[in-house]
Structures are given as C-alpha cells and as structure tokens.
C-alpha cells in the first residue's frame, strides 16, 4: 500500500528473477478486481469475507484494490 505501480512491478520482477536464479517454482496471480466491486456495498463484502475466514493481509489486499481509486482520461488536452 502506498507504493507506485512502477515500484511494485520492479519488486515483483526482482523477486521472480531471484526465484528463477534459485531454481524455485513461481506462481503469480494478477487481477484487477476494482471494477467488479464498484456496485457492491464494500462494508457488507468485508464482513462476509471475514466470516469466510479471509482476514489480515489477504483482506487488506482486496480492500486496497476496491477503495480510493480514481481514473483520468485525457483526450486532446482536456482532462475529465
């Protein structure tokens, strides 16, 4: 949380290279779930995930991907 996408990508690639050099297996899952949760009440979602046993870091990863997002579209100079 609080890291730029470039920093996260760099850290991910560095870790992948380290695993490859150490001949370790790599499993990588990437998903942009933010749009999937736009229509849900986030508080209810978090409560249900908590009841299912999803807590701590996994829940925080989901929470950070569905809150505080913004999008900017630039077309011929005007910003929307």
C-alpha atoms as a PDB file:
ATOM      1  CA  UNK A   1       0.000   0.000   0.000  1.00  0.00           C
ATOM      2  CA  UNK A   2       1.293   3.460  -0.845  1.00  0.00           C
ATOM      3  CA  UNK A   3       3.733   2.191  -3.454  1.00  0.00           C
ATOM      4  CA  UNK A   4       3.795   3.329  -7.044  1.00  0.00           C
ATOM      5  CA  UNK A   5       2.907   0.787  -9.754  1.00  0.00           C
ATOM      6  CA  UNK A   6       6.459   1.108 -11.074  1.00  0.00           C
ATOM      7  CA  UNK A   7       7.899   0.228  -7.662  1.00  0.00           C
ATOM      8  CA  UNK A   8       5.574  -2.758  -7.278  1.00  0.00           C
ATOM      9  CA  UNK A   9       6.486  -4.001 -10.765  1.00  0.00           C
ATOM     10  CA  UNK A  10      10.198  -3.626 -10.003  1.00  0.00           C
ATOM     11  CA  UNK A  11       9.862  -5.532  -6.733  1.00  0.00           C
ATOM     12  CA  UNK A  12       7.819  -8.266  -8.422  1.00  0.00           C
ATOM     13  CA  UNK A  13      10.312  -8.699 -11.258  1.00  0.00           C
ATOM     14  CA  UNK A  14      13.233  -8.712  -8.825  1.00  0.00           C
ATOM     15  CA  UNK A  15      11.584 -11.441  -6.793  1.00  0.00           C
ATOM     16  CA  UNK A  16      10.802 -13.501  -9.926  1.00  0.00           C
ATOM     17  CA  UNK A  17      14.436 -13.236 -11.049  1.00  0.00           C
ATOM     18  CA  UNK A  18      15.632 -14.294  -7.584  1.00  0.00           C
ATOM     19  CA  UNK A  19      13.316 -17.319  -7.631  1.00  0.00           C
ATOM     20  CA  UNK A  20      14.458 -18.295 -11.127  1.00  0.00           C
ATOM     21  CA  UNK A  21      18.113 -17.984 -10.119  1.00  0.00           C
ATOM     22  CA  UNK A  22      17.448 -20.209  -7.101  1.00  0.00           C
ATOM     23  CA  UNK A  23      15.549 -22.690  -9.313  1.00  0.00           C
ATOM     24  CA  UNK A  24      12.394 -22.229  -7.227  1.00  0.00           C
ATOM     25  CA  UNK A  25       8.867 -22.533  -8.536  1.00  0.00           C
ATOM     26  CA  UNK A  26       6.893 -19.372  -9.200  1.00  0.00           C
ATOM     27  CA  UNK A  27       3.143 -18.875  -9.019  1.00  0.00           C
ATOM     28  CA  UNK A  28       1.962 -15.376  -9.864  1.00  0.00           C
ATOM     29  CA  UNK A  29      -1.644 -14.224  -9.893  1.00  0.00           C
ATOM     30  CA  UNK A  30      -2.569 -10.754 -11.087  1.00  0.00           C
ATOM     31  CA  UNK A  31      -6.081  -9.407 -11.201  1.00  0.00           C
ATOM     32  CA  UNK A  32      -7.714  -6.011 -11.377  1.00  0.00           C
ATOM     33  CA  UNK A  33     -10.827  -6.565  -9.303  1.00  0.00           C
ATOM     34  CA  UNK A  34     -11.695  -2.926  -8.690  1.00  0.00           C
ATOM     35  CA  UNK A  35     -14.448  -2.697 -11.329  1.00  0.00           C
ATOM     36  CA  UNK A  36     -16.034  -5.940 -10.185  1.00  0.00           C
ATOM     37  CA  UNK A  37     -16.699  -4.413  -6.770  1.00  0.00           C
ATOM     38  CA  UNK A  38     -17.980  -0.980  -7.834  1.00  0.00           C
ATOM     39  CA  UNK A  39     -21.636  -1.965  -7.405  1.00  0.00           C
ATOM     40  CA  UNK A  40     -21.255  -3.783  -4.073  1.00  0.00           C
ATOM     41  CA  UNK A  41     -21.564  -2.331  -0.597  1.00  0.00           C
ATOM     42  CA  UNK A  42     -17.944  -2.685   0.484  1.00  0.00           C
ATOM     43  CA  UNK A  43     -18.703  -2.943   4.207  1.00  0.00           C
ATOM     44  CA  UNK A  44     -21.006  -5.922   3.612  1.00  0.00           C
ATOM     45  CA  UNK A  45     -18.383  -7.501   1.342  1.00  0.00           C
ATOM     46  CA  UNK A  46     -15.654  -7.175   4.005  1.00  0.00           C
ATOM     47  CA  UNK A  47     -17.945  -8.628   6.690  1.00  0.00           C
ATOM     48  CA  UNK A  48     -18.773 -11.640   4.515  1.00  0.00           C
ATOM     49  CA  UNK A  49     -15.127 -12.203   3.589  1.00  0.00           C
ATOM     50  CA  UNK A  50     -14.217 -12.011   7.277  1.00  0.00           C
ATOM     51  CA  UNK A  51     -16.877 -14.629   8.120  1.00  0.00           C
ATOM     52  CA  UNK A  52     -15.374 -16.853   5.407  1.00  0.00           C
ATOM     53  CA  UNK A  53     -12.004 -16.614   7.159  1.00  0.00           C
ATOM     54  CA  UNK A  54     -10.394 -14.096   4.834  1.00  0.00           C
ATOM     55  CA  UNK A  55      -8.590 -11.754   7.220  1.00  0.00           C
ATOM     56  CA  UNK A  56      -5.357  -9.890   7.621  1.00  0.00           C
ATOM     57  CA  UNK A  57      -3.200  -9.305   4.565  1.00  0.00           C
ATOM     58  CA  UNK A  58      -5.487 -11.026   2.018  1.00  0.00           C
ATOM     59  CA  UNK A  59      -8.421  -8.867   3.147  1.00  0.00           C
ATOM     60  CA  UNK A  60      -6.272  -5.731   3.102  1.00  0.00           C
ATOM     61  CA  UNK A  61      -5.147  -6.515  -0.461  1.00  0.00           C
ATOM     62  CA  UNK A  62      -8.775  -6.761  -1.552  1.00  0.00           C
ATOM     63  CA  UNK A  63      -9.674  -3.609   0.388  1.00  0.00           C
ATOM     64  CA  UNK A  64      -6.827  -1.605  -1.182  1.00  0.00           C
ATOM     65  CA  UNK A  65      -7.908  -2.692  -4.662  1.00  0.00           C
ATOM     66  CA  UNK A  66     -11.507  -1.525  -4.300  1.00  0.00           C
ATOM     67  CA  UNK A  67     -11.133   1.741  -2.390  1.00  0.00           C
ATOM     68  CA  UNK A  68      -9.550   5.067  -3.168  1.00  0.00           C
ATOM     69  CA  UNK A  69      -9.368   4.509  -6.903  1.00  0.00           C
ATOM     70  CA  UNK A  70      -9.589   7.280  -9.453  1.00  0.00           C
ATOM     71  CA  UNK A  71      -9.281   7.414 -13.190  1.00  0.00           C
ATOM     72  CA  UNK A  72      -8.309  10.209 -15.546  1.00  0.00           C
ATOM     73  CA  UNK A  73      -8.952  10.243 -19.262  1.00  0.00           C
ATOM     74  CA  UNK A  74      -7.048  12.739 -21.408  1.00  0.00           C
ATOM     75  CA  UNK A  75      -8.299  13.404 -24.908  1.00  0.00           C
ATOM     76  CA  UNK A  76      -6.822  16.252 -26.937  1.00  0.00           C
ATOM     77  CA  UNK A  77      -5.698  18.146 -23.832  1.00  0.00           C
ATOM     78  CA  UNK A  78      -8.917  18.485 -21.751  1.00  0.00           C
ATOM     79  CA  UNK A  79      -8.849  16.406 -18.596  1.00  0.00           C
ATOM     80  CA  UNK A  80     -12.071  14.674 -17.480  1.00  0.00           C
END
